[in-house]
């Protein structure tokens, strides 16, 4: 499962975290918000790059945390080499994407999302 919208695919990631039958890949916002000297993590506050699965699922969870504002070209320059490596190990069958999400202020367009989905 490849998740290319602004939110970490935490439900799917958690469901298969100890399993090597499903590889999850999530490109998502991972940046804290600071309000009145308090740190508020993004939602969901999951998907750190070091979270890569455990037990039989070790290495089958790939997390790519991103900051606000990433654009189509920058996203693609990270997406393609990561997905190329993933496709050598595992043959993805599903992708999830949402452009224009107000809770995830990336600068990706429908065209940018479509390029990623088409590539898969």
PDB file of N, CA and C in Angstrom:
ATOM      1  N   UNK A   1       0.845  -1.171   0.000  1.00  0.00           N
ATOM      2  CA  UNK A   1       0.000   0.000   0.000  1.00  0.00           C
ATOM      3  C   UNK A   1       0.889   1.232   0.000  1.00  0.00           C
ATOM      4  N   UNK A   2       0.680   2.111  -0.934  1.00  0.00           N
ATOM      5  CA  UNK A   2       1.445   3.351  -1.021  1.00  0.00           C
ATOM      6  C   UNK A   2       0.498   4.509  -0.744  1.00  0.00           C
ATOM      7  N   UNK A   3       0.818   5.299   0.266  1.00  0.00           N
ATOM      8  CA  UNK A   3      -0.009   6.415   0.705  1.00  0.00           C
ATOM      9  C   UNK A   3       0.735   7.700   0.384  1.00  0.00           C
ATOM     10  N   UNK A   4       0.176   8.516  -0.517  1.00  0.00           N
ATOM     11  CA  UNK A   4       0.902   9.699  -0.981  1.00  0.00           C
ATOM     12  C   UNK A   4       0.153  10.992  -0.693  1.00  0.00           C
ATOM     13  N   UNK A   5      -0.694  10.992   0.353  1.00  0.00           N
ATOM     14  CA  UNK A   5      -1.304  12.264   0.732  1.00  0.00           C
ATOM     15  C   UNK A   5      -0.601  12.816   1.966  1.00  0.00           C
ATOM     16  N   UNK A   6      -1.131  13.862   2.552  1.00  0.00           N
ATOM     17  CA  UNK A   6      -0.432  14.567   3.625  1.00  0.00           C
ATOM     18  C   UNK A   6      -0.437  13.853   4.966  1.00  0.00           C
ATOM     19  N   UNK A   7      -1.291  12.856   5.150  1.00  0.00           N
ATOM     20  CA  UNK A   7      -1.408  12.202   6.453  1.00  0.00           C
ATOM     21  C   UNK A   7      -0.774  10.818   6.445  1.00  0.00           C
ATOM     22  N   UNK A   8      -0.131  10.484   7.542  1.00  0.00           N
ATOM     23  CA  UNK A   8       0.465   9.159   7.669  1.00  0.00           C
ATOM     24  C   UNK A   8      -0.631   8.109   7.616  1.00  0.00           C
ATOM     25  N   UNK A   9      -0.387   7.043   6.861  1.00  0.00           N
ATOM     26  CA  UNK A   9      -1.336   5.937   6.766  1.00  0.00           C
ATOM     27  C   UNK A   9      -1.213   5.043   7.988  1.00  0.00           C
ATOM     28  N   UNK A  10      -1.491   5.597   9.160  1.00  0.00           N
ATOM     29  CA  UNK A  10      -1.220   4.890  10.412  1.00  0.00           C
ATOM     30  C   UNK A  10      -2.073   3.648  10.619  1.00  0.00           C
ATOM     31  N   UNK A  11      -3.317   3.643  10.166  1.00  0.00           N
ATOM     32  CA  UNK A  11      -4.163   2.466  10.358  1.00  0.00           C
ATOM     33  C   UNK A  11      -3.642   1.265   9.597  1.00  0.00           C
ATOM     34  N   UNK A  12      -3.333   1.449   8.334  1.00  0.00           N
ATOM     35  CA  UNK A  12      -2.810   0.361   7.510  1.00  0.00           C
ATOM     36  C   UNK A  12      -1.414  -0.028   8.000  1.00  0.00           C
ATOM     37  N   UNK A  13      -0.591   0.968   8.314  1.00  0.00           N
ATOM     38  CA  UNK A  13       0.757   0.703   8.814  1.00  0.00           C
ATOM     39  C   UNK A  13       0.704  -0.154  10.078  1.00  0.00           C
ATOM     40  N   UNK A  14      -0.167   0.211  11.015  1.00  0.00           N
ATOM     41  CA  UNK A  14      -0.276  -0.541  12.262  1.00  0.00           C
ATOM     42  C   UNK A  14      -0.810  -1.956  12.028  1.00  0.00           C
ATOM     43  N   UNK A  15      -1.772  -2.086  11.142  1.00  0.00           N
ATOM     44  CA  UNK A  15      -2.373  -3.395  10.877  1.00  0.00           C
ATOM     45  C   UNK A  15      -1.362  -4.405  10.350  1.00  0.00           C
ATOM     46  N   UNK A  16      -0.362  -3.940   9.611  1.00  0.00           N
ATOM     47  CA  UNK A  16       0.600  -4.851   8.990  1.00  0.00           C
ATOM     48  C   UNK A  16       2.027  -4.679   9.520  1.00  0.00           C
ATOM     49  N   UNK A  17       2.181  -4.019  10.650  1.00  0.00           N
ATOM     50  CA  UNK A  17       3.500  -3.671  11.184  1.00  0.00           C
ATOM     51  C   UNK A  17       4.369  -4.883  11.494  1.00  0.00           C
ATOM     52  N   UNK A  18       3.762  -6.014  11.821  1.00  0.00           N
ATOM     53  CA  UNK A  18       4.518  -7.227  12.147  1.00  0.00           C
ATOM     54  C   UNK A  18       4.383  -8.286  11.060  1.00  0.00           C
ATOM     55  N   UNK A  19       4.010  -7.876   9.866  1.00  0.00           N
ATOM     56  CA  UNK A  19       3.651  -8.790   8.801  1.00  0.00           C
ATOM     57  C   UNK A  19       4.483  -8.506   7.555  1.00  0.00           C
ATOM     58  N   UNK A  20       5.002  -9.532   6.904  1.00  0.00           N
ATOM     59  CA  UNK A  20       5.780  -9.331   5.679  1.00  0.00           C
ATOM     60  C   UNK A  20       4.972  -9.620   4.409  1.00  0.00           C
ATOM     61  N   UNK A  21       3.655  -9.761   4.547  1.00  0.00           N
ATOM     62  CA  UNK A  21       2.808  -9.978   3.367  1.00  0.00           C
ATOM     63  C   UNK A  21       2.392  -8.664   2.709  1.00  0.00           C
ATOM     64  N   UNK A  22       2.446  -7.576   3.476  1.00  0.00           N
ATOM     65  CA  UNK A  22       2.054  -6.261   2.962  1.00  0.00           C
ATOM     66  C   UNK A  22       3.150  -5.264   3.286  1.00  0.00           C
ATOM     67  N   UNK A  23       3.612  -4.553   2.264  1.00  0.00           N
ATOM     68  CA  UNK A  23       4.558  -3.469   2.488  1.00  0.00           C
ATOM     69  C   UNK A  23       3.765  -2.165   2.468  1.00  0.00           C
ATOM     70  N   UNK A  24       3.969  -1.336   3.479  1.00  0.00           N
ATOM     71  CA  UNK A  24       3.315  -0.032   3.503  1.00  0.00           C
ATOM     72  C   UNK A  24       4.367   1.047   3.276  1.00  0.00           C
ATOM     73  N   UNK A  25       4.021   2.023   2.454  1.00  0.00           N
ATOM     74  CA  UNK A  25       4.892   3.153   2.169  1.00  0.00           C
ATOM     75  C   UNK A  25       4.042   4.404   2.339  1.00  0.00           C
ATOM     76  N   UNK A  26       4.484   5.323   3.182  1.00  0.00           N
ATOM     77  CA  UNK A  26       3.715   6.533   3.435  1.00  0.00           C
ATOM     78  C   UNK A  26       4.592   7.767   3.301  1.00  0.00           C
ATOM     79  N   UNK A  27       4.217   8.656   2.397  1.00  0.00           N
ATOM     80  CA  UNK A  27       4.828   9.976   2.249  1.00  0.00           C
ATOM     81  C   UNK A  27       3.837  10.928   2.928  1.00  0.00           C
ATOM     82  N   UNK A  28       4.236  11.599   3.999  1.00  0.00           N
ATOM     83  CA  UNK A  28       3.260  12.344   4.792  1.00  0.00           C
ATOM     84  C   UNK A  28       3.894  13.516   5.531  1.00  0.00           C
ATOM     85  N   UNK A  29       3.027  14.416   5.973  1.00  0.00           N
ATOM     86  CA  UNK A  29       3.468  15.545   6.777  1.00  0.00           C
ATOM     87  C   UNK A  29       3.937  15.026   8.130  1.00  0.00           C
ATOM     88  N   UNK A  30       5.052  15.555   8.570  1.00  0.00           N
ATOM     89  CA  UNK A  30       5.577  15.178   9.880  1.00  0.00           C
ATOM     90  C   UNK A  30       6.304  16.395  10.429  1.00  0.00           C
ATOM     91  N   UNK A  31       5.539  17.311  10.932  1.00  0.00           N
ATOM     92  CA  UNK A  31       6.117  18.553  11.425  1.00  0.00           C
ATOM     93  C   UNK A  31       5.310  19.020  12.627  1.00  0.00           C
ATOM     94  N   UNK A  32       5.987  19.404  13.681  1.00  0.00           N
ATOM     95  CA  UNK A  32       5.289  19.902  14.858  1.00  0.00           C
ATOM     96  C   UNK A  32       4.759  21.310  14.631  1.00  0.00           C
ATOM     97  N   UNK A  33       3.698  21.627  15.357  1.00  0.00           N
ATOM     98  CA  UNK A  33       3.113  22.960  15.351  1.00  0.00           C
ATOM     99  C   UNK A  33       3.377  23.540  16.731  1.00  0.00           C
ATOM    100  N   UNK A  34       3.765  24.794  16.797  1.00  0.00           N
ATOM    101  CA  UNK A  34       4.041  25.441  18.071  1.00  0.00           C
ATOM    102  C   UNK A  34       2.965  26.471  18.363  1.00  0.00           C
ATOM    103  N   UNK A  35       2.238  26.281  19.470  1.00  0.00           N
ATOM    104  CA  UNK A  35       1.169  27.192  19.873  1.00  0.00           C
ATOM    105  C   UNK A  35       1.375  27.546  21.339  1.00  0.00           C
ATOM    106  N   UNK A  36       1.505  28.828  21.645  1.00  0.00           N
ATOM    107  CA  UNK A  36       1.663  29.319  23.019  1.00  0.00           C
ATOM    108  C   UNK A  36       2.753  28.529  23.766  1.00  0.00           C
ATOM    109  N   UNK A  37       3.902  28.410  23.129  1.00  0.00           N
ATOM    110  CA  UNK A  37       5.054  27.714  23.709  1.00  0.00           C
ATOM    111  C   UNK A  37       4.808  26.234  23.981  1.00  0.00           C
ATOM    112  N   UNK A  38       3.813  25.647  23.336  1.00  0.00           N
ATOM    113  CA  UNK A  38       3.549  24.215  23.456  1.00  0.00           C
ATOM    114  C   UNK A  38       3.765  23.567  22.099  1.00  0.00           C
ATOM    115  N   UNK A  39       4.297  22.367  22.117  1.00  0.00           N
ATOM    116  CA  UNK A  39       4.518  21.614  20.888  1.00  0.00           C
ATOM    117  C   UNK A  39       3.313  20.713  20.662  1.00  0.00           C
ATOM    118  N   UNK A  40       2.676  20.862  19.515  1.00  0.00           N
ATOM    119  CA  UNK A  40       1.544  20.024  19.145  1.00  0.00           C
ATOM    120  C   UNK A  40       1.948  19.246  17.901  1.00  0.00           C
ATOM    121  N   UNK A  41       2.014  17.911  17.999  1.00  0.00           N
ATOM    122  CA  UNK A  41       2.417  17.131  16.826  1.00  0.00           C
ATOM    123  C   UNK A  41       1.334  17.146  15.751  1.00  0.00           C
ATOM    124  N   UNK A  42       1.762  16.941  14.523  1.00  0.00           N
ATOM    125  CA  UNK A  42       0.811  16.857  13.422  1.00  0.00           C
ATOM    126  C   UNK A  42      -0.102  15.647  13.635  1.00  0.00           C
ATOM    127  N   UNK A  43      -1.205  15.592  12.897  1.00  0.00           N
ATOM    128  CA  UNK A  43      -2.132  14.467  13.025  1.00  0.00           C
ATOM    129  C   UNK A  43      -2.019  13.570  11.805  1.00  0.00           C
ATOM    130  N   UNK A  44      -1.948  12.285  11.982  1.00  0.00           N
ATOM    131  CA  UNK A  44      -1.674  11.634  13.267  1.00  0.00           C
ATOM    132  C   UNK A  44      -0.202  11.768  13.609  1.00  0.00           C
ATOM    133  N   UNK A  45       0.140  11.735  14.897  1.00  0.00           N
ATOM    134  CA  UNK A  45       1.539  11.909  15.300  1.00  0.00           C
ATOM    135  C   UNK A  45       2.332  10.616  15.176  1.00  0.00           C
ATOM    136  N   UNK A  46       2.267  10.012  14.010  1.00  0.00           N
ATOM    137  CA  UNK A  46       2.922   8.730  13.756  1.00  0.00           C
ATOM    138  C   UNK A  46       3.698   8.821  12.455  1.00  0.00           C
ATOM    139  N   UNK A  47       4.470   7.804  12.155  1.00  0.00           N
ATOM    140  CA  UNK A  47       5.150   7.738  10.863  1.00  0.00           C
ATOM    141  C   UNK A  47       6.563   8.258  10.847  1.00  0.00           C
ATOM    142  N   UNK A  48       7.263   8.162  11.976  1.00  0.00           N
ATOM    143  CA  UNK A  48       8.661   8.569  11.988  1.00  0.00           C
ATOM    144  C   UNK A  48       9.456   7.668  11.042  1.00  0.00           C
ATOM    145  N   UNK A  49      10.489   8.195  10.441  1.00  0.00           N
ATOM    146  CA  UNK A  49      11.282   7.434   9.470  1.00  0.00           C
ATOM    147  C   UNK A  49      11.925   6.196  10.068  1.00  0.00           C
ATOM    148  N   UNK A  50      12.128   6.164  11.379  1.00  0.00           N
ATOM    149  CA  UNK A  50      12.719   4.985  12.013  1.00  0.00           C
ATOM    150  C   UNK A  50      11.712   3.865  12.250  1.00  0.00           C
ATOM    151  N   UNK A  51      10.435   4.134  12.083  1.00  0.00           N
ATOM    152  CA  UNK A  51       9.407   3.107  12.267  1.00  0.00           C
ATOM    153  C   UNK A  51       9.325   2.293  10.981  1.00  0.00           C
ATOM    154  N   UNK A  52       9.918   1.099  11.035  1.00  0.00           N
ATOM    155  CA  UNK A  52      10.051   0.313   9.800  1.00  0.00           C
ATOM    156  C   UNK A  52       9.499  -1.102   9.920  1.00  0.00           C
ATOM    157  N   UNK A  53       8.643  -1.327  10.912  1.00  0.00           N
ATOM    158  CA  UNK A  53       8.085  -2.651  11.118  1.00  0.00           C
ATOM    159  C   UNK A  53       8.872  -3.398  12.176  1.00  0.00           C
ATOM    160  N   UNK A  54       8.300  -4.516  12.648  1.00  0.00           N
ATOM    161  CA  UNK A  54       9.022  -5.328  13.624  1.00  0.00           C
ATOM    162  C   UNK A  54       8.672  -6.796  13.420  1.00  0.00           C
ATOM    163  N   UNK A  55       9.475  -7.652  14.001  1.00  0.00           N
ATOM    164  CA  UNK A  55       9.280  -9.083  13.806  1.00  0.00           C
ATOM    165  C   UNK A  55       9.394  -9.432  12.339  1.00  0.00           C
ATOM    166  N   UNK A  56       8.456 -10.250  11.847  1.00  0.00           N
ATOM    167  CA  UNK A  56       8.453 -10.618  10.425  1.00  0.00           C
ATOM    168  C   UNK A  56       8.260  -9.404   9.511  1.00  0.00           C
ATOM    169  N   UNK A  57       7.681  -8.338  10.039  1.00  0.00           N
ATOM    170  CA  UNK A  57       7.420  -7.140   9.251  1.00  0.00           C
ATOM    171  C   UNK A  57       8.555  -6.139   9.211  1.00  0.00           C
ATOM    172  N   UNK A  58       9.681  -6.470   9.830  1.00  0.00           N
ATOM    173  CA  UNK A  58      10.820  -5.543   9.836  1.00  0.00           C
ATOM    174  C   UNK A  58      11.248  -5.214   8.413  1.00  0.00           C
ATOM    175  N   UNK A  59      11.261  -3.919   8.083  1.00  0.00           N
ATOM    176  CA  UNK A  59      11.640  -3.477   6.748  1.00  0.00           C
ATOM    177  C   UNK A  59      10.473  -3.382   5.773  1.00  0.00           C
ATOM    178  N   UNK A  60       9.278  -3.759   6.202  1.00  0.00           N
ATOM    179  CA  UNK A  60       8.107  -3.713   5.326  1.00  0.00           C
ATOM    180  C   UNK A  60       7.213  -2.501   5.596  1.00  0.00           C
ATOM    181  N   UNK A  61       7.685  -1.589   6.427  1.00  0.00           N
ATOM    182  CA  UNK A  61       7.006  -0.327   6.670  1.00  0.00           C
ATOM    183  C   UNK A  61       7.992   0.786   6.348  1.00  0.00           C
ATOM    184  N   UNK A  62       7.679   1.571   5.324  1.00  0.00           N
ATOM    185  CA  UNK A  62       8.559   2.650   4.882  1.00  0.00           C
ATOM    186  C   UNK A  62       7.840   3.968   5.131  1.00  0.00           C
ATOM    187  N   UNK A  63       8.437   4.837   5.934  1.00  0.00           N
ATOM    188  CA  UNK A  63       7.842   6.133   6.248  1.00  0.00           C
ATOM    189  C   UNK A  63       8.738   7.253   5.760  1.00  0.00           C
ATOM    190  N   UNK A  64       8.145   8.198   5.034  1.00  0.00           N
ATOM    191  CA  UNK A  64       8.871   9.341   4.499  1.00  0.00           C
ATOM    192  C   UNK A  64       8.210  10.602   5.043  1.00  0.00           C
ATOM    193  N   UNK A  65       8.691  11.099   6.207  1.00  0.00           N
ATOM    194  CA  UNK A  65       8.103  12.296   6.795  1.00  0.00           C
ATOM    195  C   UNK A  65       8.563  13.555   6.055  1.00  0.00           C
ATOM    196  N   UNK A  66       7.613  14.462   5.819  1.00  0.00           N
ATOM    197  CA  UNK A  66       7.875  15.665   5.032  1.00  0.00           C
ATOM    198  C   UNK A  66       7.434  16.918   5.796  1.00  0.00           C
ATOM    199  N   UNK A  67       8.003  18.043   5.453  1.00  0.00           N
ATOM    200  CA  UNK A  67       7.574  19.328   6.000  1.00  0.00           C
ATOM    201  C   UNK A  67       6.569  19.990   5.077  1.00  0.00           C
ATOM    202  N   UNK A  68       5.928  21.042   5.562  1.00  0.00           N
ATOM    203  CA  UNK A  68       4.967  21.805   4.763  1.00  0.00           C
ATOM    204  C   UNK A  68       5.607  22.333   3.482  1.00  0.00           C
ATOM    205  N   UNK A  69       4.776  22.522   2.466  1.00  0.00           N
ATOM    206  CA  UNK A  69       5.172  23.276   1.295  1.00  0.00           C
ATOM    207  C   UNK A  69       5.856  22.516   0.180  1.00  0.00           C
ATOM    208  N   UNK A  70       6.050  21.222   0.296  1.00  0.00           N
ATOM    209  CA  UNK A  70       6.727  20.483  -0.771  1.00  0.00           C
ATOM    210  C   UNK A  70       5.921  20.616  -2.067  1.00  0.00           C
ATOM    211  N   UNK A  71       6.601  20.794  -3.178  1.00  0.00           N
ATOM    212  CA  UNK A  71       5.914  20.981  -4.459  1.00  0.00           C
ATOM    213  C   UNK A  71       6.050  19.733  -5.327  1.00  0.00           C
ATOM    214  N   UNK A  72       5.409  19.762  -6.491  1.00  0.00           N
ATOM    215  CA  UNK A  72       5.391  18.597  -7.381  1.00  0.00           C
ATOM    216  C   UNK A  72       6.781  18.083  -7.724  1.00  0.00           C
ATOM    217  N   UNK A  73       7.672  18.972  -8.140  1.00  0.00           N
ATOM    218  CA  UNK A  73       9.002  18.542  -8.586  1.00  0.00           C
ATOM    219  C   UNK A  73       9.836  17.967  -7.448  1.00  0.00           C
ATOM    220  N   UNK A  74       9.790  18.612  -6.294  1.00  0.00           N
ATOM    221  CA  UNK A  74      10.557  18.119  -5.145  1.00  0.00           C
ATOM    222  C   UNK A  74       9.998  16.785  -4.668  1.00  0.00           C
ATOM    223  N   UNK A  75       8.673  16.683  -4.618  1.00  0.00           N
ATOM    224  CA  UNK A  75       8.025  15.437  -4.209  1.00  0.00           C
ATOM    225  C   UNK A  75       8.437  14.302  -5.149  1.00  0.00           C
ATOM    226  N   UNK A  76       8.366  14.552  -6.447  1.00  0.00           N
ATOM    227  CA  UNK A  76       8.718  13.535  -7.448  1.00  0.00           C
ATOM    228  C   UNK A  76      10.183  13.110  -7.313  1.00  0.00           C
ATOM    229  N   UNK A  77      11.067  14.075  -7.024  1.00  0.00           N
ATOM    230  CA  UNK A  77      12.493  13.748  -6.917  1.00  0.00           C
ATOM    231  C   UNK A  77      12.779  12.822  -5.736  1.00  0.00           C
ATOM    232  N   UNK A  78      11.910  12.808  -4.744  1.00  0.00           N
ATOM    233  CA  UNK A  78      12.039  11.855  -3.634  1.00  0.00           C
ATOM    234  C   UNK A  78      11.233  10.592  -3.903  1.00  0.00           C
ATOM    235  N   UNK A  79      10.033  10.755  -4.431  1.00  0.00           N
ATOM    236  CA  UNK A  79       9.117   9.642  -4.643  1.00  0.00           C
ATOM    237  C   UNK A  79       9.693   8.580  -5.576  1.00  0.00           C
ATOM    238  N   UNK A  80      10.175   9.000  -6.736  1.00  0.00           N
ATOM    239  CA  UNK A  80      10.614   8.044  -7.755  1.00  0.00           C
ATOM    240  C   UNK A  80      11.728   7.120  -7.279  1.00  0.00           C
ATOM    241  N   UNK A  81      12.841   7.622  -6.724  1.00  0.00           N
ATOM    242  CA  UNK A  81      13.887   6.680  -6.311  1.00  0.00           C
ATOM    243  C   UNK A  81      13.460   5.753  -5.168  1.00  0.00           C
ATOM    244  N   UNK A  82      12.626   6.257  -4.262  1.00  0.00           N
ATOM    245  CA  UNK A  82      12.151   5.405  -3.166  1.00  0.00           C
ATOM    246  C   UNK A  82      11.241   4.317  -3.711  1.00  0.00           C
ATOM    247  N   UNK A  83      10.294   4.696  -4.559  1.00  0.00           N
ATOM    248  CA  UNK A  83       9.354   3.718  -5.118  1.00  0.00           C
ATOM    249  C   UNK A  83      10.071   2.744  -6.051  1.00  0.00           C
ATOM    250  N   UNK A  84      11.085   3.198  -6.778  1.00  0.00           N
ATOM    251  CA  UNK A  84      11.869   2.273  -7.612  1.00  0.00           C
ATOM    252  C   UNK A  84      12.451   1.148  -6.757  1.00  0.00           C
ATOM    253  N   UNK A  85      13.006   1.496  -5.598  1.00  0.00           N
ATOM    254  CA  UNK A  85      13.574   0.480  -4.712  1.00  0.00           C
ATOM    255  C   UNK A  85      12.484  -0.408  -4.132  1.00  0.00           C
ATOM    256  N   UNK A  86      11.357   0.190  -3.742  1.00  0.00           N
ATOM    257  CA  UNK A  86      10.241  -0.592  -3.198  1.00  0.00           C
ATOM    258  C   UNK A  86       9.745  -1.592  -4.234  1.00  0.00           C
ATOM    259  N   UNK A  87       9.623  -1.156  -5.498  1.00  0.00           N
ATOM    260  CA  UNK A  87       9.096  -2.034  -6.540  1.00  0.00           C
ATOM    261  C   UNK A  87      10.052  -3.183  -6.864  1.00  0.00           C
ATOM    262  N   UNK A  88      11.336  -3.034  -6.558  1.00  0.00           N
ATOM    263  CA  UNK A  88      12.275  -4.141  -6.739  1.00  0.00           C
ATOM    264  C   UNK A  88      12.057  -5.229  -5.695  1.00  0.00           C
ATOM    265  N   UNK A  89      11.563  -4.838  -4.513  1.00  0.00           N
ATOM    266  CA  UNK A  89      11.361  -5.775  -3.410  1.00  0.00           C
ATOM    267  C   UNK A  89       9.929  -6.297  -3.366  1.00  0.00           C
ATOM    268  N   UNK A  90       8.986  -5.416  -3.660  1.00  0.00           N
ATOM    269  CA  UNK A  90       7.582  -5.740  -3.465  1.00  0.00           C
ATOM    270  C   UNK A  90       6.781  -5.128  -4.603  1.00  0.00           C
ATOM    271  N   UNK A  91       5.805  -5.807  -5.118  1.00  0.00           N
ATOM    272  CA  UNK A  91       5.000  -5.318  -6.229  1.00  0.00           C
ATOM    273  C   UNK A  91       3.739  -4.635  -5.688  1.00  0.00           C
ATOM    274  N   UNK A  92       3.725  -3.289  -5.626  1.00  0.00           N
ATOM    275  CA  UNK A  92       2.567  -2.609  -5.039  1.00  0.00           C
ATOM    276  C   UNK A  92       1.303  -2.777  -5.879  1.00  0.00           C
ATOM    277  N   UNK A  93       0.174  -2.907  -5.176  1.00  0.00           N
ATOM    278  CA  UNK A  93      -1.118  -3.081  -5.835  1.00  0.00           C
ATOM    279  C   UNK A  93      -2.113  -1.983  -5.516  1.00  0.00           C
ATOM    280  N   UNK A  94      -1.786  -1.084  -4.602  1.00  0.00           N
ATOM    281  CA  UNK A  94      -2.749  -0.053  -4.214  1.00  0.00           C
ATOM    282  C   UNK A  94      -2.017   1.230  -3.861  1.00  0.00           C
ATOM    283  N   UNK A  95      -2.680   2.350  -4.132  1.00  0.00           N
ATOM    284  CA  UNK A  95      -2.154   3.657  -3.750  1.00  0.00           C
ATOM    285  C   UNK A  95      -3.305   4.506  -3.258  1.00  0.00           C
ATOM    286  N   UNK A  96      -3.016   5.383  -2.308  1.00  0.00           N
ATOM    287  CA  UNK A  96      -3.995   6.266  -1.718  1.00  0.00           C
ATOM    288  C   UNK A  96      -3.471   7.690  -1.845  1.00  0.00           C
ATOM    289  N   UNK A  97      -4.320   8.600  -2.319  1.00  0.00           N
ATOM    290  CA  UNK A  97      -3.873   9.963  -2.512  1.00  0.00           C
ATOM    291  C   UNK A  97      -5.025  10.932  -2.326  1.00  0.00           C
ATOM    292  N   UNK A  98      -4.700  12.135  -1.847  1.00  0.00           N
ATOM    293  CA  UNK A  98      -5.675  13.204  -1.706  1.00  0.00           C
ATOM    294  C   UNK A  98      -4.953  14.515  -1.928  1.00  0.00           C
ATOM    295  N   UNK A  99      -5.304  15.237  -2.985  1.00  0.00           N
ATOM    296  CA  UNK A  99      -4.713  16.546  -3.244  1.00  0.00           C
ATOM    297  C   UNK A  99      -5.613  17.622  -2.647  1.00  0.00           C
ATOM    298  N   UNK A 100      -5.020  18.734  -2.259  1.00  0.00           N
ATOM    299  CA  UNK A 100      -5.787  19.862  -1.760  1.00  0.00           C
ATOM    300  C   UNK A 100      -6.269  19.717  -0.328  1.00  0.00           C
ATOM    301  N   UNK A 101      -5.682  18.852   0.452  1.00  0.00           N
ATOM    302  CA  UNK A 101      -6.074  18.632   1.843  1.00  0.00           C
ATOM    303  C   UNK A 101      -5.701  19.867   2.664  1.00  0.00           C
ATOM    304  N   UNK A 102      -6.678  20.509   3.274  1.00  0.00           N
ATOM    305  CA  UNK A 102      -6.439  21.727   4.039  1.00  0.00           C
ATOM    306  C   UNK A 102      -5.636  21.461   5.319  1.00  0.00           C
ATOM    307  N   UNK A 103      -5.627  20.218   5.811  1.00  0.00           N
ATOM    308  CA  UNK A 103      -4.872  19.892   7.017  1.00  0.00           C
ATOM    309  C   UNK A 103      -3.425  19.543   6.718  1.00  0.00           C
ATOM    310  N   UNK A 104      -3.092  19.412   5.462  1.00  0.00           N
ATOM    311  CA  UNK A 104      -1.728  19.065   5.077  1.00  0.00           C
ATOM    312  C   UNK A 104      -1.252  20.020   4.013  1.00  0.00           C
ATOM    313  N   UNK A 105      -0.677  21.143   4.408  1.00  0.00           N
ATOM    314  CA  UNK A 105      -0.350  22.189   3.441  1.00  0.00           C
ATOM    315  C   UNK A 105       0.866  21.895   2.573  1.00  0.00           C
ATOM    316  N   UNK A 106       0.735  20.905   1.706  1.00  0.00           N
ATOM    317  CA  UNK A 106       1.743  20.692   0.679  1.00  0.00           C
ATOM    318  C   UNK A 106       1.345  21.540  -0.523  1.00  0.00           C
ATOM    319  N   UNK A 107       2.232  21.704  -1.454  1.00  0.00           N
ATOM    320  CA  UNK A 107       1.934  22.419  -2.690  1.00  0.00           C
ATOM    321  C   UNK A 107       1.854  21.446  -3.854  1.00  0.00           C
ATOM    322  N   UNK A 108       1.289  20.272  -3.601  1.00  0.00           N
ATOM    323  CA  UNK A 108       1.103  19.282  -4.649  1.00  0.00           C
ATOM    324  C   UNK A 108      -0.218  19.545  -5.353  1.00  0.00           C
ATOM    325  N   UNK A 109      -0.232  19.304  -6.632  1.00  0.00           N
ATOM    326  CA  UNK A 109      -1.451  19.466  -7.419  1.00  0.00           C
ATOM    327  C   UNK A 109      -1.999  18.088  -7.792  1.00  0.00           C
ATOM    328  N   UNK A 110      -3.172  18.080  -8.375  1.00  0.00           N
ATOM    329  CA  UNK A 110      -3.740  16.829  -8.890  1.00  0.00           C
ATOM    330  C   UNK A 110      -2.777  16.218  -9.900  1.00  0.00           C
ATOM    331  N   UNK A 111      -2.153  17.058 -10.717  1.00  0.00           N
ATOM    332  CA  UNK A 111      -1.189  16.567 -11.708  1.00  0.00           C
ATOM    333  C   UNK A 111       0.003  15.892 -11.019  1.00  0.00           C
ATOM    334  N   UNK A 112       0.486  16.479  -9.914  1.00  0.00           N
ATOM    335  CA  UNK A 112       1.601  15.895  -9.183  1.00  0.00           C
ATOM    336  C   UNK A 112       1.238  14.549  -8.566  1.00  0.00           C
ATOM    337  N   UNK A 113       0.046  14.482  -7.975  1.00  0.00           N
ATOM    338  CA  UNK A 113      -0.428  13.205  -7.420  1.00  0.00           C
ATOM    339  C   UNK A 113      -0.626  12.181  -8.534  1.00  0.00           C
ATOM    340  N   UNK A 114      -1.236  12.619  -9.626  1.00  0.00           N
ATOM    341  CA  UNK A 114      -1.493  11.721 -10.746  1.00  0.00           C
ATOM    342  C   UNK A 114      -0.232  11.131 -11.333  1.00  0.00           C
ATOM    343  N   UNK A 115       0.822  11.916 -11.393  1.00  0.00           N
ATOM    344  CA  UNK A 115       2.099  11.432 -11.915  1.00  0.00           C
ATOM    345  C   UNK A 115       2.599  10.259 -11.063  1.00  0.00           C
ATOM    346  N   UNK A 116       2.474  10.382  -9.743  1.00  0.00           N
ATOM    347  CA  UNK A 116       2.913   9.312  -8.841  1.00  0.00           C
ATOM    348  C   UNK A 116       2.064   8.057  -9.013  1.00  0.00           C
ATOM    349  N   UNK A 117       0.755   8.221  -9.030  1.00  0.00           N
ATOM    350  CA  UNK A 117      -0.145   7.069  -9.174  1.00  0.00           C
ATOM    351  C   UNK A 117       0.082   6.401 -10.526  1.00  0.00           C
ATOM    352  N   UNK A 118       0.214   7.185 -11.582  1.00  0.00           N
ATOM    353  CA  UNK A 118       0.455   6.638 -12.920  1.00  0.00           C
ATOM    354  C   UNK A 118       1.764   5.844 -12.964  1.00  0.00           C
ATOM    355  N   UNK A 119       2.775   6.335 -12.276  1.00  0.00           N
ATOM    356  CA  UNK A 119       4.065   5.656 -12.261  1.00  0.00           C
ATOM    357  C   UNK A 119       3.954   4.263 -11.640  1.00  0.00           C
ATOM    358  N   UNK A 120       3.178   4.176 -10.593  1.00  0.00           N
ATOM    359  CA  UNK A 120       2.982   2.883  -9.925  1.00  0.00           C
ATOM    360  C   UNK A 120       2.233   1.952 -10.850  1.00  0.00           C
TER     361      UNK A 120
END
